[in-house]
C-alpha atoms as a PDB file:
ATOM      1  CA  MET A   1     -17.710   4.606 -18.510  1.00  0.00           C
ATOM      2  CA  MET A   2     -15.636   3.992 -21.668  1.00  0.00           C
ATOM      3  CA  GLU A   3     -13.412   1.542 -19.784  1.00  0.00           C
ATOM      4  CA  ALA A   4     -16.328  -0.377 -18.295  1.00  0.00           C
ATOM      5  CA  THR A   5     -17.917  -0.689 -21.752  1.00  0.00           C
ATOM      6  CA  SER A   6     -14.610  -1.770 -23.305  1.00  0.00           C
ATOM      7  CA  LEU A   7     -14.075  -4.442 -20.653  1.00  0.00           C
ATOM      8  CA  MET A   8     -17.586  -5.751 -21.251  1.00  0.00           C
ATOM      9  CA  ILE A   9     -16.954  -5.920 -25.018  1.00  0.00           C
ATOM     10  CA  ILE A  10     -13.638  -7.735 -24.465  1.00  0.00           C
ATOM     11  CA  LYS A  11     -15.411 -10.309 -22.331  1.00  0.00           C
ATOM     12  CA  LYS A  12     -18.192 -10.869 -24.885  1.00  0.00           C
ATOM     13  CA  ILE A  13     -16.038 -11.197 -28.022  1.00  0.00           C
ATOM     14  CA  ARG A  14     -13.047 -12.993 -26.501  1.00  0.00           C
ATOM     15  CA  LYS A  15     -14.182 -16.423 -27.679  1.00  0.00           C
ATOM     16  CA  ASP A  16     -15.241 -15.576 -31.259  1.00  0.00           C
ATOM     17  CA  TYR A  17     -12.884 -12.682 -32.028  1.00  0.00           C
ATOM     18  CA  PRO A  18      -9.763 -13.134 -29.857  1.00  0.00           C
ATOM     19  CA  HIS A  19      -7.564 -10.891 -32.042  1.00  0.00           C
ATOM     20  CA  VAL A  20     -10.003  -7.980 -31.839  1.00  0.00           C
ATOM     21  CA  ALA A  21     -10.330  -8.476 -28.073  1.00  0.00           C
ATOM     22  CA  ASP A  22      -6.521  -8.397 -27.755  1.00  0.00           C
ATOM     23  CA  GLU A  23      -6.294  -5.173 -29.750  1.00  0.00           C
ATOM     24  CA  ILE A  24      -8.945  -3.458 -27.623  1.00  0.00           C
ATOM     25  CA  SER A  25      -7.310  -4.576 -24.369  1.00  0.00           C
ATOM     26  CA  GLN A  26      -3.885  -3.437 -25.580  1.00  0.00           C
ATOM     27  CA  ILE A  27      -5.212   0.020 -26.450  1.00  0.00           C
ATOM     28  CA  LEU A  28      -6.977   0.244 -23.091  1.00  0.00           C
ATOM     29  CA  SER A  29      -3.858  -0.734 -21.141  1.00  0.00           C
ATOM     30  CA  TYR A  30      -1.764   1.929 -22.898  1.00  0.00           C
ATOM     31  CA  ILE A  31      -4.203   4.823 -22.389  1.00  0.00           C
ATOM     32  CA  GLY A  32      -2.493   7.466 -20.266  1.00  0.00           C
ATOM     33  CA  SER A  33       0.722   5.467 -19.916  1.00  0.00           C
ATOM     34  CA  SER A  34       4.092   7.076 -20.468  1.00  0.00           C
ATOM     35  CA  SER A  35       7.730   6.480 -19.665  1.00  0.00           C
ATOM     36  CA  ALA A  36       9.480   8.286 -16.830  1.00  0.00           C
ATOM     37  CA  HIS A  37      11.523  10.179 -19.437  1.00  0.00           C
ATOM     38  CA  ALA A  38       8.416  11.366 -21.256  1.00  0.00           C
ATOM     39  CA  ARG A  39       6.828  12.411 -17.957  1.00  0.00           C
ATOM     40  CA  SER A  40       9.742  14.664 -17.097  1.00  0.00           C
ATOM     41  CA  ILE A  41       9.562  16.391 -20.493  1.00  0.00           C
ATOM     42  CA  ASN A  42       5.827  16.628 -21.135  1.00  0.00           C
ATOM     43  CA  PHE A  43       4.397  17.023 -17.659  1.00  0.00           C
ATOM     44  CA  PRO A  44       1.325  19.247 -18.016  1.00  0.00           C
ATOM     45  CA  PRO A  45       1.080  22.532 -16.072  1.00  0.00           C
ATOM     46  CA  LEU A  46      -0.281  22.181 -12.541  1.00  0.00           C
ATOM     47  CA  PRO A  47      -3.979  22.978 -12.060  1.00  0.00           C
ATOM     48  CA  VAL A  48      -4.547  26.198 -10.101  1.00  0.00           C
ATOM     49  CA  ASP A  49      -7.364  27.813  -8.167  1.00  0.00           C
ATOM     50  CA  LYS A  50      -8.859  30.494 -10.438  1.00  0.00           C
ATOM     51  CA  GLU A  51      -9.102  33.070  -7.672  1.00  0.00           C
ATOM     52  CA  SER A  52      -5.838  32.646  -5.742  1.00  0.00           C
ATOM     53  CA  ARG A  53      -3.773  31.192  -8.638  1.00  0.00           C
ATOM     54  CA  TYR A  54      -2.179  28.784  -6.162  1.00  0.00           C
ATOM     55  CA  ALA A  55      -1.473  25.226  -7.354  1.00  0.00           C
ATOM     56  CA  LEU A  56      -4.098  22.673  -6.356  1.00  0.00           C
ATOM     57  CA  VAL A  57      -1.686  19.741  -6.213  1.00  0.00           C
ATOM     58  CA  ASN A  58       1.912  18.857  -5.441  1.00  0.00           C
ATOM     59  CA  VAL A  59       3.647  16.480  -7.861  1.00  0.00           C
ATOM     60  CA  GLU A  60       6.639  14.280  -7.064  1.00  0.00           C
ATOM     61  CA  ASP A  61       8.446  11.832  -9.316  1.00  0.00           C
ATOM     62  CA  PRO A  62       8.642   8.306  -7.880  1.00  0.00           C
ATOM     63  CA  SER A  63      11.647   8.084  -5.563  1.00  0.00           C
ATOM     64  CA  PHE A  64      13.170   5.173  -3.701  1.00  0.00           C
ATOM     65  CA  VAL A  65      11.838   4.518  -0.212  1.00  0.00           C
ATOM     66  CA  LEU A  66      12.245   1.443   1.955  1.00  0.00           C
ATOM     67  CA  PRO A  67       9.151  -0.753   2.457  1.00  0.00           C
ATOM     68  CA  PRO A  68       6.879   0.513   5.244  1.00  0.00           C
ATOM     69  CA  ILE A  69       7.120  -1.330   8.564  1.00  0.00           C
ATOM     70  CA  LEU A  70       3.627  -2.603   9.319  1.00  0.00           C
ATOM     71  CA  ASN A  71       2.003  -5.674  10.779  1.00  0.00           C
ATOM     72  CA  GLU A  72       2.059  -8.728   8.508  1.00  0.00           C
ATOM     73  CA  TYR A  73      -1.619  -8.547   7.520  1.00  0.00           C
ATOM     74  CA  THR A  74      -1.418  -4.923   6.411  1.00  0.00           C
ATOM     75  CA  GLN A  75       1.862  -5.497   4.584  1.00  0.00           C
ATOM     76  CA  GLN A  76       0.333  -8.417   2.701  1.00  0.00           C
ATOM     77  CA  GLN A  77      -2.738  -6.378   1.711  1.00  0.00           C
ATOM     78  CA  ILE A  78      -0.543  -3.635   0.245  1.00  0.00           C
ATOM     79  CA  ARG A  79       1.709  -6.164  -1.509  1.00  0.00           C
ATOM     80  CA  ASP A  80      -1.402  -7.801  -3.009  1.00  0.00           C
ATOM     81  CA  PHE A  81      -2.630  -4.425  -4.272  1.00  0.00           C
ATOM     82  CA  ILE A  82       0.723  -3.706  -5.952  1.00  0.00           C
ATOM     83  CA  ARG A  83       0.862  -7.213  -7.426  1.00  0.00           C
ATOM     84  CA  GLU A  84      -2.615  -6.796  -8.878  1.00  0.00           C
ATOM     85  CA  ARG A  85      -1.560  -3.470 -10.423  1.00  0.00           C
ATOM     86  CA  ASN A  86       1.390  -5.223 -12.059  1.00  0.00           C
ATOM     87  CA  PHE A  87      -1.093  -7.572 -13.754  1.00  0.00           C
ATOM     88  CA  LEU A  88      -2.977  -4.623 -15.271  1.00  0.00           C
ATOM     89  CA  SER A  89      -2.649  -5.783 -18.901  1.00  0.00           C
ATOM     90  CA  GLN A  90      -3.601  -9.373 -18.105  1.00  0.00           C
ATOM     91  CA  PHE A  91      -6.721  -8.269 -16.219  1.00  0.00           C
ATOM     92  CA  ILE A  92      -7.791  -6.029 -19.080  1.00  0.00           C
ATOM     93  CA  GLN A  93      -7.196  -8.764 -21.665  1.00  0.00           C
ATOM     94  CA  ALA A  94      -9.395 -11.089 -19.614  1.00  0.00           C
ATOM     95  CA  GLY A  95     -12.133  -8.452 -19.395  1.00  0.00           C
ATOM     96  CA  ILE A  96     -11.614  -8.074 -15.630  1.00  0.00           C
ATOM     97  CA  THR A  97     -11.744  -4.634 -14.007  1.00  0.00           C
ATOM     98  CA  PRO A  98      -8.323  -4.019 -12.423  1.00  0.00           C
ATOM     99  CA  PRO A  99      -8.171  -2.532  -8.897  1.00  0.00           C
ATOM    100  CA  ASN A 100      -7.206   1.138  -8.905  1.00  0.00           C
ATOM    101  CA  SER A 101      -8.109   2.536  -5.480  1.00  0.00           C
ATOM    102  CA  LEU A 102      -7.013   2.136  -1.890  1.00  0.00           C
ATOM    103  CA  LEU A 103      -8.415   3.852   1.215  1.00  0.00           C
ATOM    104  CA  LEU A 104      -6.150   4.126   4.262  1.00  0.00           C
ATOM    105  CA  SER A 105      -7.432   5.101   7.695  1.00  0.00           C
ATOM    106  CA  GLY A 106      -5.617   5.418  11.001  1.00  0.00           C
ATOM    107  CA  GLN A 107      -4.245   7.816  13.582  1.00  0.00           C
ATOM    108  CA  PRO A 108      -1.790  10.558  12.586  1.00  0.00           C
ATOM    109  CA  GLY A 109       1.793   9.378  12.186  1.00  0.00           C
ATOM    110  CA  VAL A 110       1.100   5.689  11.476  1.00  0.00           C
ATOM    111  CA  GLY A 111       2.514   5.861   7.928  1.00  0.00           C
ATOM    112  CA  LYS A 112      -0.356   6.573   5.516  1.00  0.00           C
ATOM    113  CA  THR A 113       1.596   9.175   3.525  1.00  0.00           C
ATOM    114  CA  TYR A 114       4.698   6.975   3.574  1.00  0.00           C
ATOM    115  CA  ILE A 115       2.661   4.107   2.104  1.00  0.00           C
ATOM    116  CA  ALA A 116       1.494   6.378  -0.733  1.00  0.00           C
ATOM    117  CA  HIS A 117       5.130   7.265  -1.530  1.00  0.00           C
ATOM    118  CA  TRP A 118       6.135   3.605  -1.461  1.00  0.00           C
ATOM    119  CA  ILE A 119       3.334   2.580  -3.810  1.00  0.00           C
ATOM    120  CA  SER A 120       4.322   5.424  -6.148  1.00  0.00           C
ATOM    121  CA  ASN A 121       7.871   4.043  -6.139  1.00  0.00           C
ATOM    122  CA  GLN A 122       6.809   0.428  -6.637  1.00  0.00           C
ATOM    123  CA  LEU A 123       4.526   1.281  -9.578  1.00  0.00           C
ATOM    124  CA  ASP A 124       6.982   3.850 -11.021  1.00  0.00           C
ATOM    125  CA  LEU A 125       4.236   6.468 -11.204  1.00  0.00           C
ATOM    126  CA  PRO A 126       4.397  10.137 -10.128  1.00  0.00           C
ATOM    127  CA  LEU A 127       2.634  11.012  -6.890  1.00  0.00           C
ATOM    128  CA  VAL A 128       0.018  13.756  -7.293  1.00  0.00           C
ATOM    129  CA  THR A 129      -1.055  15.009  -3.853  1.00  0.00           C
ATOM    130  CA  LEU A 130      -4.133  17.158  -3.335  1.00  0.00           C
ATOM    131  CA  ASP A 131      -3.338  20.463  -1.606  1.00  0.00           C
ATOM    132  CA  LEU A 132      -6.266  20.774   0.768  1.00  0.00           C
ATOM    133  CA  ALA A 133      -5.565  24.400   1.682  1.00  0.00           C
ATOM    134  CA  THR A 134      -5.984  25.640  -1.893  1.00  0.00           C
ATOM    135  CA  SER A 135      -8.608  23.128  -3.049  1.00  0.00           C
ATOM    136  CA  ILE A 136     -11.354  24.231  -0.669  1.00  0.00           C
ATOM    137  CA  SER A 137     -12.626  27.623  -1.824  1.00  0.00           C
ATOM    138  CA  SER A 138     -14.920  30.049  -0.048  1.00  0.00           C
ATOM    139  CA  TYR A 139     -16.637  30.771  -3.359  1.00  0.00           C
ATOM    140  CA  LEU A 140     -19.848  28.904  -4.084  1.00  0.00           C
ATOM    141  CA  GLY A 141     -19.202  26.043  -6.489  1.00  0.00           C
ATOM    142  CA  ARG A 142     -15.459  26.733  -6.769  1.00  0.00           C
ATOM    143  CA  SER A 143     -14.421  23.754  -4.615  1.00  0.00           C
ATOM    144  CA  GLY A 144     -16.237  21.333  -6.912  1.00  0.00           C
ATOM    145  CA  GLN A 145     -14.517  22.912  -9.927  1.00  0.00           C
ATOM    146  CA  ASN A 146     -11.156  22.554  -8.196  1.00  0.00           C
ATOM    147  CA  ILE A 147     -11.750  18.865  -7.481  1.00  0.00           C
ATOM    148  CA  ARG A 148     -12.665  18.264 -11.133  1.00  0.00           C
ATOM    149  CA  SER A 149      -9.503  20.095 -12.231  1.00  0.00           C
ATOM    150  CA  ILE A 150      -7.396  17.923  -9.911  1.00  0.00           C
ATOM    151  CA  PHE A 151      -8.894  14.705 -11.266  1.00  0.00           C
ATOM    152  CA  ASP A 152      -8.580  15.905 -14.874  1.00  0.00           C
ATOM    153  CA  TYR A 153      -4.908  16.663 -14.251  1.00  0.00           C
ATOM    154  CA  ALA A 154      -4.240  13.248 -12.642  1.00  0.00           C
ATOM    155  CA  LYS A 155      -6.090  11.476 -15.460  1.00  0.00           C
ATOM    156  CA  ALA A 156      -4.020  13.232 -18.140  1.00  0.00           C
ATOM    157  CA  GLN A 157      -1.110  10.893 -17.357  1.00  0.00           C
ATOM    158  CA  SER A 158      -0.775   7.668 -15.383  1.00  0.00           C
ATOM    159  CA  SER A 159      -0.173   8.677 -11.781  1.00  0.00           C
ATOM    160  CA  VAL A 160      -0.947   7.941  -8.151  1.00  0.00           C
ATOM    161  CA  LEU A 161      -3.491  10.521  -6.978  1.00  0.00           C
ATOM    162  CA  PHE A 162      -3.162  10.917  -3.209  1.00  0.00           C
ATOM    163  CA  LEU A 163      -6.199  12.402  -1.464  1.00  0.00           C
ATOM    164  CA  ASP A 164      -4.832  13.147   2.001  1.00  0.00           C
ATOM    165  CA  GLU A 165      -7.240  14.238   4.777  1.00  0.00           C
ATOM    166  CA  LEU A 166     -10.072  12.879   2.664  1.00  0.00           C
ATOM    167  CA  ASP A 167     -12.613  13.480   5.442  1.00  0.00           C
ATOM    168  CA  ALA A 168     -12.304  17.252   4.823  1.00  0.00           C
ATOM    169  CA  ILE A 169     -13.891  16.917   1.362  1.00  0.00           C
ATOM    170  CA  ALA A 170     -15.898  13.696   1.792  1.00  0.00           C
ATOM    171  CA  LYS A 171     -17.853  14.258   5.002  1.00  0.00           C
ATOM    172  CA  ARG A 172     -21.100  12.435   5.657  1.00  0.00           C
ATOM    173  CA  ARG A 173     -23.971  14.037   3.773  1.00  0.00           C
ATOM    174  CA  ASP A 174     -26.334  13.320   6.667  1.00  0.00           C
ATOM    175  CA  ASP A 175     -24.440  15.802   8.856  1.00  0.00           C
ATOM    176  CA  ALA A 176     -27.033  18.527   9.468  1.00  0.00           C
ATOM    177  CA  GLY A 177     -24.329  20.994  10.460  1.00  0.00           C
ATOM    178  CA  ASP A 178     -22.691  21.019   7.028  1.00  0.00           C
ATOM    179  CA  LEU A 179     -23.485  23.475   4.255  1.00  0.00           C
ATOM    180  CA  GLY A 180     -25.069  22.328   1.024  1.00  0.00           C
ATOM    181  CA  GLU A 181     -21.863  23.258  -0.803  1.00  0.00           C
ATOM    182  CA  LEU A 182     -19.900  20.527   1.018  1.00  0.00           C
ATOM    183  CA  LYS A 183     -22.626  17.991   0.251  1.00  0.00           C
ATOM    184  CA  ARG A 184     -22.433  18.882  -3.434  1.00  0.00           C
ATOM    185  CA  LEU A 185     -18.662  18.488  -3.189  1.00  0.00           C
ATOM    186  CA  VAL A 186     -19.106  14.895  -1.978  1.00  0.00           C
ATOM    187  CA  ASN A 187     -21.310  14.175  -4.996  1.00  0.00           C
ATOM    188  CA  VAL A 188     -18.610  15.543  -7.320  1.00  0.00           C
ATOM    189  CA  LEU A 189     -15.958  13.460  -5.572  1.00  0.00           C
ATOM    190  CA  LEU A 190     -18.017  10.263  -5.781  1.00  0.00           C
ATOM    191  CA  LYS A 191     -18.519  10.713  -9.519  1.00  0.00           C
ATOM    192  CA  GLU A 192     -14.829  11.460 -10.147  1.00  0.00           C
ATOM    193  CA  ILE A 193     -13.655   8.399  -8.188  1.00  0.00           C
ATOM    194  CA  GLU A 194     -16.167   6.189  -9.974  1.00  0.00           C
ATOM    195  CA  ASP A 195     -15.018   7.392 -13.407  1.00  0.00           C
ATOM    196  CA  TYR A 196     -11.282   7.285 -12.667  1.00  0.00           C
ATOM    197  CA  PRO A 197      -9.355   5.318 -15.334  1.00  0.00           C
ATOM    198  CA  VAL A 198      -7.850   1.939 -14.462  1.00  0.00           C
ATOM    199  CA  THR A 199      -4.464   3.113 -15.757  1.00  0.00           C
ATOM    200  CA  GLY A 200      -4.114   5.361 -12.702  1.00  0.00           C
ATOM    201  CA  VAL A 201      -4.342   4.815  -8.944  1.00  0.00           C
ATOM    202  CA  ILE A 202      -6.244   6.710  -6.246  1.00  0.00           C
ATOM    203  CA  ILE A 203      -5.140   6.518  -2.616  1.00  0.00           C
ATOM    204  CA  GLY A 204      -7.347   8.158  -0.007  1.00  0.00           C
ATOM    205  CA  ALA A 205      -6.203   8.759   3.578  1.00  0.00           C
ATOM    206  CA  THR A 206      -8.102   9.847   6.657  1.00  0.00           C
ATOM    207  CA  ASN A 207      -7.444  10.277  10.378  1.00  0.00           C
ATOM    208  CA  HIS A 208     -11.197  10.356  11.022  1.00  0.00           C
ATOM    209  CA  PRO A 209     -12.916   7.441   9.252  1.00  0.00           C
ATOM    210  CA  GLU A 210     -16.100   8.065  11.220  1.00  0.00           C
ATOM    211  CA  LEU A 211     -16.577  11.369   9.349  1.00  0.00           C
ATOM    212  CA  LEU A 212     -16.481   9.853   5.850  1.00  0.00           C
ATOM    213  CA  ASP A 213     -19.664   9.536   3.832  1.00  0.00           C
ATOM    214  CA  LYS A 214     -20.719   5.881   3.602  1.00  0.00           C
ATOM    215  CA  ALA A 215     -20.758   5.989  -0.186  1.00  0.00           C
ATOM    216  CA  ILE A 216     -17.048   6.916  -0.217  1.00  0.00           C
ATOM    217  CA  TRP A 217     -16.118   3.574   1.345  1.00  0.00           C
ATOM    218  CA  ARG A 218     -17.888   1.703  -1.460  1.00  0.00           C
ATOM    219  CA  ARG A 219     -15.967   3.580  -4.155  1.00  0.00           C
ATOM    220  CA  PHE A 220     -12.586   2.225  -3.025  1.00  0.00           C
ATOM    221  CA  ASP A 221     -11.486  -1.218  -4.142  1.00  0.00           C
ATOM    222  CA  ARG A 222      -9.579  -1.957  -0.930  1.00  0.00           C
ATOM    223  CA  THR A 223      -9.823  -0.328   2.509  1.00  0.00           C
ATOM    224  CA  LEU A 224      -7.167  -0.701   5.194  1.00  0.00           C
ATOM    225  CA  THR A 225      -6.852   0.480   8.773  1.00  0.00           C
ATOM    226  CA  ILE A 226      -3.219   1.269   9.547  1.00  0.00           C
ATOM    227  CA  GLU A 227      -2.731   0.319  13.183  1.00  0.00           C
ATOM    228  CA  MET A 228      -0.350   1.852  15.705  1.00  0.00           C
ATOM    229  CA  PRO A 229       2.940  -0.088  15.708  1.00  0.00           C
ATOM    230  CA  GLU A 230       3.152  -2.990  18.140  1.00  0.00           C
ATOM    231  CA  VAL A 231       6.382  -4.064  19.873  1.00  0.00           C
ATOM    232  CA  PRO A 232       7.744  -6.103  16.884  1.00  0.00           C
ATOM    233  CA  GLU A 233       7.186  -3.187  14.487  1.00  0.00           C
ATOM    234  CA  ARG A 234       8.646  -0.709  16.978  1.00  0.00           C
ATOM    235  CA  LYS A 235      11.796  -2.837  17.260  1.00  0.00           C
ATOM    236  CA  GLN A 236      12.133  -2.870  13.466  1.00  0.00           C
ATOM    237  CA  LEU A 237      11.614   0.894  13.260  1.00  0.00           C
ATOM    238  CA  LEU A 238      14.261   1.514  15.926  1.00  0.00           C
ATOM    239  CA  ALA A 239      16.771  -0.844  14.308  1.00  0.00           C
ATOM    240  CA  ARG A 240      16.242   0.692  10.851  1.00  0.00           C
ATOM    241  CA  HIS A 241      16.354   4.347  11.839  1.00  0.00           C
ATOM    242  CA  LEU A 242      19.187   4.092  14.351  1.00  0.00           C
ATOM    243  CA  ASP A 243      21.288   2.803  11.450  1.00  0.00           C
ATOM    244  CA  GLY A 244      24.864   1.957  12.443  1.00  0.00           C
ATOM    245  CA  TYR A 245      24.297   3.229  15.993  1.00  0.00           C
ATOM    246  CA  ALA A 246      22.002   0.317  16.893  1.00  0.00           C
ATOM    247  CA  ASP A 247      24.871  -2.026  17.798  1.00  0.00           C
ATOM    248  CA  ALA A 248      26.509   0.596  20.019  1.00  0.00           C
ATOM    249  CA  ILE A 249      23.234   1.266  21.844  1.00  0.00           C
ATOM    250  CA  GLY A 250      22.622  -2.445  22.347  1.00  0.00           C
ATOM    251  CA  LYS A 251      19.728  -4.833  21.897  1.00  0.00           C
ATOM    252  CA  ASP A 252      18.723  -4.605  25.570  1.00  0.00           C
ATOM    253  CA  ILE A 253      18.206  -0.827  25.337  1.00  0.00           C
ATOM    254  CA  ILE A 254      16.373  -1.072  22.004  1.00  0.00           C
ATOM    255  CA  ASP A 255      14.076  -3.752  23.454  1.00  0.00           C
ATOM    256  CA  TYR A 256      13.386  -1.552  26.499  1.00  0.00           C
ATOM    257  CA  ILE A 257      12.592   1.478  24.318  1.00  0.00           C
ATOM    258  CA  ALA A 258      10.323  -0.649  22.094  1.00  0.00           C
ATOM    259  CA  ILE A 259       8.284  -1.734  25.116  1.00  0.00           C
ATOM    260  CA  ALA A 260       8.269   1.752  26.681  1.00  0.00           C
ATOM    261  CA  THR A 261       6.944   3.435  23.505  1.00  0.00           C
ATOM    262  CA  ASN A 262       3.492   1.924  23.700  1.00  0.00           C
ATOM    263  CA  ASP A 263       0.990   4.365  22.118  1.00  0.00           C
ATOM    264  CA  VAL A 264       3.805   6.198  20.287  1.00  0.00           C
ATOM    265  CA  ASN A 265       3.242   6.384  16.526  1.00  0.00           C
ATOM    266  CA  SER A 266       5.737   5.398  13.842  1.00  0.00           C
ATOM    267  CA  ALA A 267       6.591   8.984  12.887  1.00  0.00           C
ATOM    268  CA  ASP A 268       7.483   9.899  16.484  1.00  0.00           C
ATOM    269  CA  ILE A 269       9.621   6.765  16.858  1.00  0.00           C
ATOM    270  CA  CYS A 270      11.535   7.829  13.743  1.00  0.00           C
ATOM    271  CA  LYS A 271      11.986  11.315  15.258  1.00  0.00           C
ATOM    272  CA  LEU A 272      13.212   9.733  18.492  1.00  0.00           C
ATOM    273  CA  CYS A 273      15.899   7.882  16.522  1.00  0.00           C
ATOM    274  CA  GLU A 274      17.028  11.133  14.885  1.00  0.00           C
ATOM    275  CA  HIS A 275      17.236  12.861  18.272  1.00  0.00           C
ATOM    276  CA  ILE A 276      19.304   9.990  19.688  1.00  0.00           C
ATOM    277  CA  LYS A 277      21.756  10.095  16.759  1.00  0.00           C
ATOM    278  CA  ARG A 278      22.184  13.870  17.071  1.00  0.00           C
ATOM    279  CA  GLN A 279      22.933  13.636  20.774  1.00  0.00           C
ATOM    280  CA  LEU A 280      25.427  10.825  20.213  1.00  0.00           C
ATOM    281  CA  ILE A 281      27.417  13.249  18.041  1.00  0.00           C
ATOM    282  CA  LEU A 282      26.894  16.321  20.240  1.00  0.00           C
ATOM    283  CA  THR A 283      27.770  14.633  23.559  1.00  0.00           C
ATOM    284  CA  PRO A 284      30.437  11.997  22.840  1.00  0.00           C
ATOM    285  CA  GLY A 285      31.462  11.829  26.494  1.00  0.00           C
ATOM    286  CA  ILE A 286      28.135  10.369  27.656  1.00  0.00           C
ATOM    287  CA  PRO A 287      27.581   6.602  27.239  1.00  0.00           C
ATOM    288  CA  THR A 288      25.352   5.723  24.275  1.00  0.00           C
ATOM    289  CA  LYS A 289      22.900   3.740  26.401  1.00  0.00           C
ATOM    290  CA  ILE A 290      22.277   6.704  28.712  1.00  0.00           C
ATOM    291  CA  ILE A 291      21.769   9.063  25.765  1.00  0.00           C
ATOM    292  CA  ALA A 292      19.250   6.687  24.150  1.00  0.00           C
ATOM    293  CA  LEU A 293      17.245   6.261  27.350  1.00  0.00           C
ATOM    294  CA  SER A 294      17.425   9.993  28.114  1.00  0.00           C
ATOM    295  CA  GLU A 295      15.899  10.840  24.729  1.00  0.00           C
ATOM    296  CA  LEU A 296      13.182   8.238  25.337  1.00  0.00           C
ATOM    297  CA  PHE A 297      12.030  10.033  28.479  1.00  0.00           C
ATOM    298  CA  LYS A 298      11.920  13.360  26.683  1.00  0.00           C
ATOM    299  CA  ILE A 299       9.064  12.079  24.508  1.00  0.00           C
ATOM    300  CA  ARG A 300       7.591   9.822  27.183  1.00  0.00           C
ATOM    301  CA  ALA A 301       6.967  12.377  29.911  1.00  0.00           C
ATOM    302  CA  LEU A 302       6.510  10.969  33.416  1.00  0.00           C
ATOM    303  CA  GLN A 303       3.144  12.178  34.616  1.00  0.00           C
ATOM    304  CA  ASP A 304       3.106  11.852  38.419  1.00  0.00           C
ATOM    305  CA  LYS A 305       5.143  10.849  41.459  1.00  0.00           C
ATOM    306  CA  ASP A 306       3.989   7.222  41.436  1.00  0.00           C
ATOM    307  CA  GLU A 307       5.038   6.779  37.822  1.00  0.00           C
ATOM    308  CA  LYS A 308       8.410   8.412  38.509  1.00  0.00           C
ATOM    309  CA  ILE A 309       9.022   6.047  41.415  1.00  0.00           C
ATOM    310  CA  LYS A 310       8.043   3.085  39.266  1.00  0.00           C
ATOM    311  CA  ILE A 311      10.319   4.096  36.362  1.00  0.00           C
ATOM    312  CA  CYS A 312      13.345   4.811  38.549  1.00  0.00           C
ATOM    313  CA  ASN A 313      13.067   1.395  40.168  1.00  0.00           C
ATOM    314  CA  SER A 314      12.338  -0.446  36.932  1.00  0.00           C
ATOM    315  CA  LEU A 315      15.451   1.104  35.324  1.00  0.00           C
ATOM    316  CA  LYS A 316      17.599   0.008  38.259  1.00  0.00           C
ATOM    317  CA  LYS A 317      16.124  -3.486  38.134  1.00  0.00           C
ATOM    318  CA  GLU A 318      16.421  -3.788  34.334  1.00  0.00           C
ATOM    319  CA  PHE A 319      19.926  -2.294  34.168  1.00  0.00           C
ATOM    320  CA  PRO A 320      21.671  -2.895  37.543  1.00  0.00           C
ATOM    321  CA  HIS A 321      24.873  -1.206  36.330  1.00  0.00           C
ATOM    322  CA  LEU A 322      23.115   2.189  36.206  1.00  0.00           C
ATOM    323  CA  THR A 323      24.082   4.561  39.016  1.00  0.00           C
ATOM    324  CA  GLN A 324      21.694   6.990  40.658  1.00  0.00           C
ATOM    325  CA  ARG A 325      23.350   9.764  38.666  1.00  0.00           C
ATOM    326  CA  ASP A 326      22.742   7.796  35.444  1.00  0.00           C
ATOM    327  CA  ILE A 327      19.074   7.389  36.298  1.00  0.00           C
ATOM    328  CA  SER A 328      18.848  11.106  37.057  1.00  0.00           C
ATOM    329  CA  LEU A 329      20.321  11.923  33.628  1.00  0.00           C
ATOM    330  CA  ILE A 330      17.935   9.467  31.951  1.00  0.00           C
ATOM    331  CA  THR A 331      14.701  10.478  33.680  1.00  0.00           C
ATOM    332  CA  HIS A 332      15.507  14.196  34.131  1.00  0.00           C
ATOM    333  CA  ILE A 333      14.619  13.835  37.826  1.00  0.00           C
ATOM    334  CA  PRO A 334      16.921  15.556  40.405  1.00  0.00           C
ATOM    335  CA  LEU A 335      19.573  13.237  41.863  1.00  0.00           C
ATOM    336  CA  THR A 336      18.360  13.585  45.475  1.00  0.00           C
ATOM    337  CA  THR A 337      14.826  12.743  44.403  1.00  0.00           C
ATOM    338  CA  VAL A 338      16.036   9.662  42.481  1.00  0.00           C
ATOM    339  CA  SER A 339      17.837   8.480  45.623  1.00  0.00           C
ATOM    340  CA  ARG A 340      14.644   8.900  47.656  1.00  0.00           C
ATOM    341  CA  TYR A 341      12.534   7.094  45.026  1.00  0.00           C
ATOM    342  CA  LEU A 342      14.955   4.143  44.915  1.00  0.00           C
ATOM    343  CA  SER A 343      14.954   3.868  48.693  1.00  0.00           C
ATOM    344  CA  LYS A 344      11.171   3.936  48.707  1.00  0.00           C
ATOM    345  CA  GLY A 345      11.085   1.206  46.083  1.00  0.00           C
ATOM    346  CA  GLN A 346      13.479  -0.998  48.041  1.00  0.00           C
ATOM    347  CA  LYS A 347      11.369  -0.624  51.189  1.00  0.00           C
ATOM    348  CA  GLU A 348       8.210  -1.547  49.285  1.00  0.00           C
ATOM    349  CA  ASP A 349       9.947  -4.641  47.883  1.00  0.00           C
ATOM    350  CA  GLN A 350      11.073  -5.686  51.351  1.00  0.00           C
ATOM    351  CA  ASN A 351       7.609  -5.142  52.830  1.00  0.00           C
ATOM    352  CA  GLY A 352       5.963  -6.842  49.850  1.00  0.00           C
END
């Protein structure tokens, strides 16, 4: 409320009293700000649940992370948000309310938490993450008190407050199956988001956007759906996380894996790369291409006989140099069965 009033005053007196307007805007832009050195020395004690005494948040200093790999539209939206935050002082001086909130939705593993870490790094602000397990209390009214404590803590210094799994504390209030306590919790959350200072940032994340109360959406300045990675993003993820092994594996194999990992999220693609690199060290006698493809088919399980036949034949067609034994190692299908599947495929091609 104080910030909204101050911004209104700045706007009204800018023309007649520019010096006073500048002084007010300067004070407003410095509220809650501190250097990284001061943060490390004077960081306030973590808020705790009164009953369990467990911390309600996790706090991490901003650390370097590479930019998230997302589609161009989503990347641009996040870059715009960061750019607007870097113009904080100019917005305040002009009497314009700066953006301070971002709501991310999408399936698990698409990079919502990673984005929060990257924004923390880009803005050089600590990341304060709500601990859902300790925040929700079985005691009547305690959850609302915990949420207030979390917001008070985040507001005490400039920070990025990350509300992960937001749907757990911001469910629709028209859900007849929910207790009144959870509905009161939504009201507390709405008020805290609305009153959050412009010197800090709130990032909400949810895997279930359909569960969020409608009023929550209106409280966030920018809302983004983080999509599953498409082929171009999957290629970038593979190239980045395979590091120096990418050249040895080869572009043809990376392209094949990128196409074959449809419906695989970013986090699992990163895990796949780690598995490939481990096996390259553990089994130096096996060709890198076979190891990479073998690890692919550990996460992309072949469901039925028809799919196994199709994959065996597509591998032989895509990579003619592969032997039946190679295909057996890659697909984890017995050698005699691979031979039968390839013969069946050849007959179908001849008949077709």
